[in-house]
Protein backbone atom coordinates (compact mmCIF):
# COMPACT_ATOMS: atom_id res chain seq x y z
CA MET A 1 94.30 189.97 -42.43
CA LEU A 2 96.20 193.16 -41.48
CA GLU A 3 93.91 192.67 -37.93
CA ASP A 4 95.05 189.57 -37.03
CA THR A 5 99.29 190.57 -36.76
CA TYR A 6 101.18 192.54 -34.66
CA VAL A 7 103.88 194.70 -35.97
CA LEU A 8 106.73 193.65 -33.98
CA SER A 9 111.05 194.38 -34.35
CA ASN A 10 114.51 192.97 -34.07
CA LYS A 11 115.60 191.49 -30.32
CA PHE A 12 115.04 194.12 -27.35
CA ALA A 13 114.91 197.53 -29.26
CA SER A 14 114.26 198.29 -32.90
CA CYS A 15 110.79 199.35 -34.00
CA TYR A 16 110.06 203.74 -33.97
CA ASN A 17 106.97 204.47 -33.46
CA GLU A 18 107.16 208.81 -34.82
CA VAL A 19 103.62 209.51 -33.33
CA GLU A 20 104.49 209.26 -29.77
CA THR A 21 108.28 208.83 -30.06
CA ARG A 22 108.87 206.58 -28.44
CA SER A 23 110.98 203.55 -28.94
CA ILE A 24 108.88 199.78 -28.80
CA LEU A 25 111.08 196.90 -27.34
CA ILE A 26 109.42 193.27 -27.37
CA ARG A 27 110.64 191.13 -25.35
CA SER A 28 109.74 186.71 -25.74
CA HIS A 29 109.66 184.56 -22.81
CA PHE A 30 109.83 181.38 -24.58
CA GLU A 31 113.02 180.30 -24.02
CA ASP A 32 111.95 180.10 -19.88
CA LEU A 33 108.21 178.26 -20.78
CA ARG A 34 109.94 175.93 -23.34
CA ARG A 35 112.45 175.15 -20.21
CA TYR A 36 109.06 175.30 -17.11
CA LYS A 37 107.31 172.59 -20.32
CA GLU A 38 110.51 170.36 -20.55
CA TYR A 39 110.60 170.67 -16.46
CA ARG A 40 106.98 169.37 -16.50
CA GLU A 41 106.89 166.39 -18.48
CA ARG A 42 110.32 165.09 -18.40
CA ARG A 43 110.72 164.95 -21.81
CA THR A 44 113.35 167.56 -24.02
CA LEU A 45 111.80 170.12 -26.51
CA PRO A 46 113.89 171.05 -29.44
CA ILE A 47 112.68 173.53 -31.87
CA ARG A 48 112.11 170.39 -34.10
CA THR A 49 109.28 168.48 -31.96
CA ILE A 50 107.53 171.73 -31.31
CA ALA A 51 106.89 172.27 -33.97
CA ALA A 52 105.93 169.11 -35.27
CA GLU A 53 103.10 169.72 -32.02
CA THR A 54 102.32 172.52 -32.69
CA GLY A 55 101.58 172.78 -36.37
CA LEU A 56 104.11 175.69 -36.98
CA SER A 57 107.29 175.97 -38.71
CA GLN A 58 111.12 175.63 -37.74
CA GLY A 59 111.40 179.13 -39.16
CA ALA A 60 107.98 180.33 -37.37
CA ILE A 61 109.05 179.22 -33.70
CA LEU A 62 112.43 181.14 -33.98
CA ARG A 63 111.11 184.14 -34.81
CA VAL A 64 109.43 183.80 -31.91
CA LYS A 65 112.00 182.23 -29.86
CA ASN A 66 114.51 185.17 -30.17
CA VAL A 67 112.35 188.23 -31.38
CA THR A 68 113.24 189.18 -35.50
CA MET A 69 109.81 188.67 -36.65
CA GLU A 70 108.46 192.52 -38.49
CA ARG A 71 104.84 190.67 -38.07
CA ILE A 72 103.43 187.84 -36.70
CA SER A 73 100.05 185.88 -36.80
CA LEU A 74 97.82 186.14 -34.18
CA SER A 75 96.89 182.39 -34.69
CA THR A 76 100.58 181.67 -34.58
CA LEU A 77 100.79 182.90 -31.35
CA ALA A 78 97.26 181.56 -30.38
CA LYS A 79 98.94 177.77 -31.14
CA LEU A 80 102.18 179.15 -29.06
CA CYS A 81 100.09 180.15 -26.03
CA ARG A 82 98.15 176.74 -26.22
CA TYR A 83 100.90 174.48 -26.32
CA PHE A 84 102.58 175.94 -23.16
CA ASP A 85 99.15 176.20 -21.26
CA VAL A 86 100.12 179.87 -20.92
CA LYS A 87 96.77 182.18 -19.92
CA SER A 88 97.76 185.92 -20.87
CA LEU A 89 99.97 186.28 -23.91
CA ARG A 90 102.11 188.48 -22.01
CA GLU A 91 103.34 185.36 -20.46
CA LEU A 92 104.60 184.41 -24.18
CA ILE A 93 106.38 188.05 -25.48
CA GLU A 94 106.32 191.45 -23.57
CA TYR A 95 105.41 194.57 -24.92
CA VAL A 96 107.80 196.99 -22.70
CA PRO A 97 107.84 200.67 -23.94
CA ASP A 98 110.61 203.42 -23.73
CA GLU A 99 110.45 206.11 -21.57
CA VAL A 100 108.58 208.98 -23.51
CA GLN A 101 111.34 211.41 -24.91
CA PRO A 102 111.79 214.91 -24.11
CA GLU A 103 110.20 217.04 -26.24
CA SER A 104 113.24 219.58 -25.94
CA SER A 105 115.23 216.56 -27.08
CA ALA A 106 113.18 215.58 -29.92
CA ASN A 107 113.28 219.04 -31.37
CA ASP A 108 116.99 219.46 -30.18
CA ARG A 109 117.82 216.42 -32.51
CA ALA A 110 114.96 218.07 -35.46
CA SER A 111 117.26 221.24 -35.89
CA LYS A 112 120.45 219.59 -36.66
């Protein structure tokens, strides 16, 4: 099950990777995809409709939309990618790394 899970964090920044001393940013494109699908299909798509059509819970969908999940299964991401007809996971969620912190800054904080 572990290999079937992405570890994510709160919207636009939170998780700290001790090995590389980077913060990890995850950006969701869910709302843009939802609006585009509404436009293409000329219908409204509330979260409850997306949940019914994908078989996912409304909570799982909202966690992807708001990037408030700690981890998420690949099957959830696959269902949403299929639903929005995207070819790449990056079209749904995107990893945006911060710049690597300079070694001197990390050392300065450690000595305080």
